[in-house]
């Protein structure tokens, strides 16, 4: 596969996942309590929900970073060789 096509697919996938993760985090942070509930949501439960929404986003970011590095190791390696050979 040409490198330009692989990069395009990577950035499209990144954008789709980023939009989805932001929507998930937004929905957790902006949740409105049900009208029938009289007591507010406990802080610890809310913190757990936020953590379980943010944790996958962080892991996905790490996976994307590692994928980008793997896709561009030949470029990074060539620039390191050029810097060392100076």
PDB file of N, CA and C in Angstrom:
ATOM      1  N   UNK A   1       0.857  -1.174   0.000  1.00  0.00           N
ATOM      2  CA  UNK A   1       0.000   0.000   0.000  1.00  0.00           C
ATOM      3  C   UNK A   1       0.901   1.235   0.000  1.00  0.00           C
ATOM      4  N   UNK A   2       0.583   2.188  -0.837  1.00  0.00           N
ATOM      5  CA  UNK A   2       1.378   3.424  -0.847  1.00  0.00           C
ATOM      6  C   UNK A   2       1.312   4.128   0.509  1.00  0.00           C
ATOM      7  N   UNK A   3       2.420   4.758   0.869  1.00  0.00           N
ATOM      8  CA  UNK A   3       2.499   5.416   2.181  1.00  0.00           C
ATOM      9  C   UNK A   3       1.457   6.521   2.333  1.00  0.00           C
ATOM     10  N   UNK A   4       1.193   7.257   1.265  1.00  0.00           N
ATOM     11  CA  UNK A   4       0.206   8.341   1.336  1.00  0.00           C
ATOM     12  C   UNK A   4      -1.195   7.782   1.624  1.00  0.00           C
ATOM     13  N   UNK A   5      -1.532   6.650   1.024  1.00  0.00           N
ATOM     14  CA  UNK A   5      -2.845   6.038   1.271  1.00  0.00           C
ATOM     15  C   UNK A   5      -2.933   5.534   2.710  1.00  0.00           C
ATOM     16  N   UNK A   6      -1.863   4.927   3.198  1.00  0.00           N
ATOM     17  CA  UNK A   6      -1.853   4.438   4.583  1.00  0.00           C
ATOM     18  C   UNK A   6      -2.003   5.598   5.562  1.00  0.00           C
ATOM     19  N   UNK A   7      -1.317   6.700   5.283  1.00  0.00           N
ATOM     20  CA  UNK A   7      -1.437   7.881   6.145  1.00  0.00           C
ATOM     21  C   UNK A   7      -2.857   8.439   6.125  1.00  0.00           C
ATOM     22  N   UNK A   8      -3.461   8.479   4.941  1.00  0.00           N
ATOM     23  CA  UNK A   8      -4.828   8.983   4.822  1.00  0.00           C
ATOM     24  C   UNK A   8      -5.798   8.115   5.623  1.00  0.00           C
ATOM     25  N   UNK A   9      -5.678   6.805   5.492  1.00  0.00           N
ATOM     26  CA  UNK A   9      -6.543   5.889   6.239  1.00  0.00           C
ATOM     27  C   UNK A   9      -6.316   6.047   7.738  1.00  0.00           C
ATOM     28  N   UNK A  10      -5.049   6.185   8.143  1.00  0.00           N
ATOM     29  CA  UNK A  10      -4.731   6.366   9.554  1.00  0.00           C
ATOM     30  C   UNK A  10      -5.404   7.621  10.106  1.00  0.00           C
ATOM     31  N   UNK A  11      -5.270   8.750   9.413  1.00  0.00           N
ATOM     32  CA  UNK A  11      -5.819  10.007   9.930  1.00  0.00           C
ATOM     33  C   UNK A  11      -7.349  10.029   9.885  1.00  0.00           C
ATOM     34  N   UNK A  12      -7.957   9.339   8.921  1.00  0.00           N
ATOM     35  CA  UNK A  12      -9.416   9.229   8.904  1.00  0.00           C
ATOM     36  C   UNK A  12      -9.881   8.414  10.104  1.00  0.00           C
ATOM     37  N   UNK A  13      -9.201   7.285  10.357  1.00  0.00           N
ATOM     38  CA  UNK A  13      -9.543   6.454  11.518  1.00  0.00           C
ATOM     39  C   UNK A  13      -9.331   7.230  12.815  1.00  0.00           C
ATOM     40  N   UNK A  14      -8.242   7.986  12.894  1.00  0.00           N
ATOM     41  CA  UNK A  14      -7.958   8.786  14.080  1.00  0.00           C
ATOM     42  C   UNK A  14      -9.071   9.807  14.314  1.00  0.00           C
ATOM     43  N   UNK A  15      -9.482  10.499  13.253  1.00  0.00           N
ATOM     44  CA  UNK A  15     -10.525  11.519  13.385  1.00  0.00           C
ATOM     45  C   UNK A  15     -11.853  10.902  13.826  1.00  0.00           C
ATOM     46  N   UNK A  16     -12.220   9.774  13.234  1.00  0.00           N
ATOM     47  CA  UNK A  16     -13.479   9.107  13.615  1.00  0.00           C
ATOM     48  C   UNK A  16     -13.443   8.667  15.078  1.00  0.00           C
ATOM     49  N   UNK A  17     -12.340   8.066  15.495  1.00  0.00           N
ATOM     50  CA  UNK A  17     -12.229   7.608  16.886  1.00  0.00           C
ATOM     51  C   UNK A  17     -12.196   8.787  17.860  1.00  0.00           C
ATOM     52  N   UNK A  18     -11.508   9.859  17.484  1.00  0.00           N
ATOM     53  CA  UNK A  18     -11.446  11.036  18.355  1.00  0.00           C
ATOM     54  C   UNK A  18     -12.833  11.657  18.524  1.00  0.00           C
ATOM     55  N   UNK A  19     -13.586  11.759  17.438  1.00  0.00           N
ATOM     56  CA  UNK A  19     -14.943  12.316  17.529  1.00  0.00           C
ATOM     57  C   UNK A  19     -15.818  11.436  18.402  1.00  0.00           C
ATOM     58  N   UNK A  20     -15.719  10.111  18.217  1.00  0.00           N
ATOM     59  CA  UNK A  20     -16.523   9.188  19.022  1.00  0.00           C
ATOM     60  C   UNK A  20     -16.149   9.272  20.500  1.00  0.00           C
ATOM     61  N   UNK A  21     -14.857   9.312  20.800  1.00  0.00           N
ATOM     62  CA  UNK A  21     -14.423   9.381  22.195  1.00  0.00           C
ATOM     63  C   UNK A  21     -14.840  10.698  22.840  1.00  0.00           C
ATOM     64  N   UNK A  22     -14.731  11.789  22.101  1.00  0.00           N
ATOM     65  CA  UNK A  22     -15.182  13.078  22.646  1.00  0.00           C
ATOM     66  C   UNK A  22     -16.685  13.068  22.913  1.00  0.00           C
ATOM     67  N   UNK A  23     -17.456  12.425  22.044  1.00  0.00           N
ATOM     68  CA  UNK A  23     -18.902  12.328  22.261  1.00  0.00           C
ATOM     69  C   UNK A  23     -19.206  11.498  23.508  1.00  0.00           C
ATOM     70  N   UNK A  24     -18.453  10.421  23.705  1.00  0.00           N
ATOM     71  CA  UNK A  24     -18.657   9.585  24.894  1.00  0.00           C
ATOM     72  C   UNK A  24     -18.330  10.370  26.155  1.00  0.00           C
ATOM     73  N   UNK A  25     -17.188  11.039  26.171  1.00  0.00           N
ATOM     74  CA  UNK A  25     -16.783  11.811  27.348  1.00  0.00           C
ATOM     75  C   UNK A  25     -17.774  12.950  27.603  1.00  0.00           C
ATOM     76  N   UNK A  26     -18.204  13.604  26.538  1.00  0.00           N
ATOM     77  CA  UNK A  26     -19.177  14.696  26.677  1.00  0.00           C
ATOM     78  C   UNK A  26     -20.486  14.179  27.276  1.00  0.00           C
ATOM     79  N   UNK A  27     -20.934  13.009  26.819  1.00  0.00           N
ATOM     80  CA  UNK A  27     -22.195  12.479  27.330  1.00  0.00           C
ATOM     81  C   UNK A  27     -22.088  12.101  28.808  1.00  0.00           C
ATOM     82  N   UNK A  28     -20.916  11.676  29.237  1.00  0.00           N
ATOM     83  CA  UNK A  28     -20.729  11.341  30.655  1.00  0.00           C
ATOM     84  C   UNK A  28     -20.665  12.620  31.498  1.00  0.00           C
ATOM     85  N   UNK A  29     -19.976  13.632  31.004  1.00  0.00           N
ATOM     86  CA  UNK A  29     -19.814  14.865  31.778  1.00  0.00           C
ATOM     87  C   UNK A  29     -21.087  15.705  31.824  1.00  0.00           C
ATOM     88  N   UNK A  30     -21.881  15.650  30.775  1.00  0.00           N
ATOM     89  CA  UNK A  30     -23.066  16.503  30.697  1.00  0.00           C
ATOM     90  C   UNK A  30     -24.353  15.745  30.976  1.00  0.00           C
ATOM     91  N   UNK A  31     -24.260  14.658  31.718  1.00  0.00           N
ATOM     92  CA  UNK A  31     -25.455  13.874  32.023  1.00  0.00           C
ATOM     93  C   UNK A  31     -26.390  14.695  32.903  1.00  0.00           C
ATOM     94  N   UNK A  32     -27.669  14.638  32.579  1.00  0.00           N
ATOM     95  CA  UNK A  32     -28.661  15.337  33.387  1.00  0.00           C
ATOM     96  C   UNK A  32     -29.376  14.311  34.251  1.00  0.00           C
ATOM     97  N   UNK A  33     -29.564  14.613  35.515  1.00  0.00           N
ATOM     98  CA  UNK A  33     -30.229  13.646  36.380  1.00  0.00           C
ATOM     99  C   UNK A  33     -31.694  13.475  35.986  1.00  0.00           C
ATOM    100  N   UNK A  34     -32.214  12.285  36.260  1.00  0.00           N
ATOM    101  CA  UNK A  34     -33.628  12.034  36.003  1.00  0.00           C
ATOM    102  C   UNK A  34     -34.481  12.877  36.944  1.00  0.00           C
ATOM    103  N   UNK A  35     -35.607  13.307  36.454  1.00  0.00           N
ATOM    104  CA  UNK A  35     -36.502  14.137  37.265  1.00  0.00           C
ATOM    105  C   UNK A  35     -37.052  13.370  38.464  1.00  0.00           C
ATOM    106  N   UNK A  36     -37.173  12.057  38.343  1.00  0.00           N
ATOM    107  CA  UNK A  36     -37.756  11.272  39.429  1.00  0.00           C
ATOM    108  C   UNK A  36     -36.789  11.063  40.596  1.00  0.00           C
ATOM    109  N   UNK A  37     -35.500  11.256  40.348  1.00  0.00           N
ATOM    110  CA  UNK A  37     -34.527  11.089  41.436  1.00  0.00           C
ATOM    111  C   UNK A  37     -34.522  12.324  42.321  1.00  0.00           C
ATOM    112  N   UNK A  38     -34.591  12.096  43.595  1.00  0.00           N
ATOM    113  CA  UNK A  38     -34.588  13.229  44.521  1.00  0.00           C
ATOM    114  C   UNK A  38     -33.191  13.504  45.057  1.00  0.00           C
ATOM    115  N   UNK A  39     -32.377  12.467  45.180  1.00  0.00           N
ATOM    116  CA  UNK A  39     -31.021  12.659  45.693  1.00  0.00           C
ATOM    117  C   UNK A  39     -30.046  12.764  44.510  1.00  0.00           C
ATOM    118  N   UNK A  40     -28.981  13.567  44.647  1.00  0.00           N
ATOM    119  CA  UNK A  40     -28.004  13.693  43.567  1.00  0.00           C
ATOM    120  C   UNK A  40     -27.152  12.425  43.452  1.00  0.00           C
ATOM    121  N   UNK A  41     -26.519  12.285  42.310  1.00  0.00           N
ATOM    122  CA  UNK A  41     -25.655  11.135  42.088  1.00  0.00           C
ATOM    123  C   UNK A  41     -24.444  11.225  43.010  1.00  0.00           C
ATOM    124  N   UNK A  42     -24.085  10.132  43.669  1.00  0.00           N
ATOM    125  CA  UNK A  42     -22.908  10.166  44.548  1.00  0.00           C
ATOM    126  C   UNK A  42     -21.648  10.523  43.767  1.00  0.00           C
ATOM    127  N   UNK A  43     -20.765  11.273  44.416  1.00  0.00           N
ATOM    128  CA  UNK A  43     -19.530  11.727  43.772  1.00  0.00           C
ATOM    129  C   UNK A  43     -18.682  10.544  43.312  1.00  0.00           C
ATOM    130  N   UNK A  44     -18.579   9.505  44.143  1.00  0.00           N
ATOM    131  CA  UNK A  44     -17.714   8.377  43.789  1.00  0.00           C
ATOM    132  C   UNK A  44     -18.226   7.651  42.546  1.00  0.00           C
ATOM    133  N   UNK A  45     -19.529   7.542  42.395  1.00  0.00           N
ATOM    134  CA  UNK A  45     -20.079   6.886  41.213  1.00  0.00           C
ATOM    135  C   UNK A  45     -19.815   7.721  39.962  1.00  0.00           C
ATOM    136  N   UNK A  46     -19.962   9.024  40.093  1.00  0.00           N
ATOM    137  CA  UNK A  46     -19.705   9.909  38.951  1.00  0.00           C
ATOM    138  C   UNK A  46     -18.232   9.855  38.548  1.00  0.00           C
ATOM    139  N   UNK A  47     -17.345   9.847  39.535  1.00  0.00           N
ATOM    140  CA  UNK A  47     -15.909   9.766  39.242  1.00  0.00           C
ATOM    141  C   UNK A  47     -15.579   8.456  38.537  1.00  0.00           C
ATOM    142  N   UNK A  48     -16.225   7.385  38.953  1.00  0.00           N
ATOM    143  CA  UNK A  48     -16.001   6.091  38.304  1.00  0.00           C
ATOM    144  C   UNK A  48     -16.470   6.122  36.857  1.00  0.00           C
ATOM    145  N   UNK A  49     -17.625   6.715  36.610  1.00  0.00           N
ATOM    146  CA  UNK A  49     -18.126   6.814  35.243  1.00  0.00           C
ATOM    147  C   UNK A  49     -17.200   7.651  34.368  1.00  0.00           C
ATOM    148  N   UNK A  50     -16.702   8.748  34.904  1.00  0.00           N
ATOM    149  CA  UNK A  50     -15.782   9.596  34.142  1.00  0.00           C
ATOM    150  C   UNK A  50     -14.491   8.835  33.862  1.00  0.00           C
ATOM    151  N   UNK A  51     -13.986   8.128  34.865  1.00  0.00           N
ATOM    152  CA  UNK A  51     -12.753   7.364  34.675  1.00  0.00           C
ATOM    153  C   UNK A  51     -12.923   6.300  33.602  1.00  0.00           C
ATOM    154  N   UNK A  52     -14.062   5.597  33.607  1.00  0.00           N
ATOM    155  CA  UNK A  52     -14.297   4.554  32.613  1.00  0.00           C
ATOM    156  C   UNK A  52     -14.583   5.138  31.232  1.00  0.00           C
ATOM    157  N   UNK A  53     -14.860   6.415  31.128  1.00  0.00           N
ATOM    158  CA  UNK A  53     -15.008   7.061  29.828  1.00  0.00           C
ATOM    159  C   UNK A  53     -13.666   7.587  29.323  1.00  0.00           C
ATOM    160  N   UNK A  54     -12.823   8.059  30.244  1.00  0.00           N
ATOM    161  CA  UNK A  54     -11.533   8.640  29.854  1.00  0.00           C
ATOM    162  C   UNK A  54     -10.478   7.556  29.614  1.00  0.00           C
ATOM    163  N   UNK A  55     -10.495   6.495  30.399  1.00  0.00           N
ATOM    164  CA  UNK A  55      -9.481   5.442  30.273  1.00  0.00           C
ATOM    165  C   UNK A  55      -9.409   4.850  28.865  1.00  0.00           C
ATOM    166  N   UNK A  56     -10.512   4.463  28.239  1.00  0.00           N
ATOM    167  CA  UNK A  56     -10.408   3.958  26.863  1.00  0.00           C
ATOM    168  C   UNK A  56      -9.858   4.999  25.880  1.00  0.00           C
ATOM    169  N   UNK A  57     -10.168   6.266  26.111  1.00  0.00           N
ATOM    170  CA  UNK A  57      -9.647   7.321  25.238  1.00  0.00           C
ATOM    171  C   UNK A  57      -8.129   7.406  25.357  1.00  0.00           C
ATOM    172  N   UNK A  58      -7.623   7.294  26.567  1.00  0.00           N
ATOM    173  CA  UNK A  58      -6.167   7.337  26.777  1.00  0.00           C
ATOM    174  C   UNK A  58      -5.504   6.121  26.127  1.00  0.00           C
ATOM    175  N   UNK A  59      -6.093   4.947  26.334  1.00  0.00           N
ATOM    176  CA  UNK A  59      -5.529   3.732  25.740  1.00  0.00           C
ATOM    177  C   UNK A  59      -5.571   3.816  24.212  1.00  0.00           C
ATOM    178  N   UNK A  60      -6.668   4.309  23.663  1.00  0.00           N
ATOM    179  CA  UNK A  60      -6.765   4.465  22.218  1.00  0.00           C
ATOM    180  C   UNK A  60      -5.725   5.454  21.698  1.00  0.00           C
ATOM    181  N   UNK A  61      -5.483   6.521  22.448  1.00  0.00           N
ATOM    182  CA  UNK A  61      -4.436   7.468  22.061  1.00  0.00           C
ATOM    183  C   UNK A  61      -3.062   6.814  22.026  1.00  0.00           C
ATOM    184  N   UNK A  62      -2.781   5.967  23.002  1.00  0.00           N
ATOM    185  CA  UNK A  62      -1.501   5.255  23.034  1.00  0.00           C
ATOM    186  C   UNK A  62      -1.391   4.309  21.837  1.00  0.00           C
ATOM    187  N   UNK A  63      -2.480   3.606  21.531  1.00  0.00           N
ATOM    188  CA  UNK A  63      -2.474   2.689  20.384  1.00  0.00           C
ATOM    189  C   UNK A  63      -2.237   3.461  19.089  1.00  0.00           C
ATOM    190  N   UNK A  64      -2.900   4.601  18.919  1.00  0.00           N
ATOM    191  CA  UNK A  64      -2.682   5.404  17.718  1.00  0.00           C
ATOM    192  C   UNK A  64      -1.253   5.916  17.645  1.00  0.00           C
ATOM    193  N   UNK A  65      -0.688   6.357  18.766  1.00  0.00           N
ATOM    194  CA  UNK A  65       0.690   6.847  18.773  1.00  0.00           C
ATOM    195  C   UNK A  65       1.667   5.737  18.393  1.00  0.00           C
ATOM    196  N   UNK A  66       1.466   4.538  18.968  1.00  0.00           N
ATOM    197  CA  UNK A  66       2.346   3.415  18.653  1.00  0.00           C
ATOM    198  C   UNK A  66       2.192   2.992  17.187  1.00  0.00           C
ATOM    199  N   UNK A  67       0.965   3.050  16.673  1.00  0.00           N
ATOM    200  CA  UNK A  67       0.737   2.711  15.262  1.00  0.00           C
ATOM    201  C   UNK A  67       1.431   3.709  14.355  1.00  0.00           C
ATOM    202  N   UNK A  68       1.316   4.991  14.669  1.00  0.00           N
ATOM    203  CA  UNK A  68       1.965   6.014  13.847  1.00  0.00           C
ATOM    204  C   UNK A  68       3.475   5.829  13.857  1.00  0.00           C
ATOM    205  N   UNK A  69       4.023   5.538  15.039  1.00  0.00           N
ATOM    206  CA  UNK A  69       5.467   5.294  15.128  1.00  0.00           C
ATOM    207  C   UNK A  69       5.873   4.091  14.301  1.00  0.00           C
ATOM    208  N   UNK A  70       5.079   3.014  14.361  1.00  0.00           N
ATOM    209  CA  UNK A  70       5.399   1.808  13.583  1.00  0.00           C
ATOM    210  C   UNK A  70       5.307   2.083  12.082  1.00  0.00           C
ATOM    211  N   UNK A  71       4.363   2.919  11.677  1.00  0.00           N
ATOM    212  CA  UNK A  71       4.217   3.247  10.262  1.00  0.00           C
ATOM    213  C   UNK A  71       5.366   4.109   9.753  1.00  0.00           C
ATOM    214  N   UNK A  72       5.991   4.873  10.643  1.00  0.00           N
ATOM    215  CA  UNK A  72       7.010   5.826  10.219  1.00  0.00           C
ATOM    216  C   UNK A  72       8.396   5.531  10.777  1.00  0.00           C
ATOM    217  N   UNK A  73       8.657   4.304  11.166  1.00  0.00           N
ATOM    218  CA  UNK A  73       9.982   3.988  11.726  1.00  0.00           C
ATOM    219  C   UNK A  73      11.073   4.165  10.692  1.00  0.00           C
ATOM    220  N   UNK A  74      10.789   3.878   9.437  1.00  0.00           N
ATOM    221  CA  UNK A  74      11.825   4.045   8.416  1.00  0.00           C
ATOM    222  C   UNK A  74      12.187   5.517   8.231  1.00  0.00           C
ATOM    223  N   UNK A  75      11.212   6.405   8.387  1.00  0.00           N
ATOM    224  CA  UNK A  75      11.484   7.843   8.283  1.00  0.00           C
ATOM    225  C   UNK A  75      12.251   8.310   9.516  1.00  0.00           C
ATOM    226  N   UNK A  76      11.797   7.895  10.682  1.00  0.00           N
ATOM    227  CA  UNK A  76      12.468   8.289  11.926  1.00  0.00           C
ATOM    228  C   UNK A  76      13.874   7.704  11.975  1.00  0.00           C
ATOM    229  N   UNK A  77      14.014   6.452  11.563  1.00  0.00           N
ATOM    230  CA  UNK A  77      15.329   5.812  11.555  1.00  0.00           C
ATOM    231  C   UNK A  77      16.286   6.500  10.596  1.00  0.00           C
ATOM    232  N   UNK A  78      15.809   6.880   9.411  1.00  0.00           N
ATOM    233  CA  UNK A  78      16.652   7.558   8.425  1.00  0.00           C
ATOM    234  C   UNK A  78      17.104   8.918   8.938  1.00  0.00           C
ATOM    235  N   UNK A  79      16.221   9.634   9.616  1.00  0.00           N
ATOM    236  CA  UNK A  79      16.615  10.952  10.127  1.00  0.00           C
ATOM    237  C   UNK A  79      17.598  10.807  11.279  1.00  0.00           C
ATOM    238  N   UNK A  80      17.472   9.763  12.085  1.00  0.00           N
ATOM    239  CA  UNK A  80      18.447   9.538  13.168  1.00  0.00           C
ATOM    240  C   UNK A  80      19.807   9.165  12.600  1.00  0.00           C
ATOM    241  N   UNK A  81      19.824   8.346  11.553  1.00  0.00           N
ATOM    242  CA  UNK A  81      21.092   7.977  10.922  1.00  0.00           C
ATOM    243  C   UNK A  81      21.750   9.215  10.324  1.00  0.00           C
ATOM    244  N   UNK A  82      20.940  10.072   9.710  1.00  0.00           N
ATOM    245  CA  UNK A  82      21.498  11.302   9.107  1.00  0.00           C
ATOM    246  C   UNK A  82      22.068  12.212  10.187  1.00  0.00           C
ATOM    247  N   UNK A  83      21.407  12.282  11.358  1.00  0.00           N
ATOM    248  CA  UNK A  83      21.891  13.143  12.426  1.00  0.00           C
ATOM    249  C   UNK A  83      23.183  12.588  13.025  1.00  0.00           C
ATOM    250  N   UNK A  84      23.286  11.279  13.158  1.00  0.00           N
ATOM    251  CA  UNK A  84      24.464  10.665  13.754  1.00  0.00           C
ATOM    252  C   UNK A  84      25.655  10.740  12.805  1.00  0.00           C
ATOM    253  N   UNK A  85      25.408  10.639  11.514  1.00  0.00           N
ATOM    254  CA  UNK A  85      26.516  10.616  10.545  1.00  0.00           C
ATOM    255  C   UNK A  85      27.096  11.992  10.283  1.00  0.00           C
ATOM    256  N   UNK A  86      26.509  13.016  10.793  1.00  0.00           N
ATOM    257  CA  UNK A  86      27.048  14.377  10.594  1.00  0.00           C
ATOM    258  C   UNK A  86      28.321  14.574  11.316  1.00  0.00           C
TER     259      UNK A  86
END
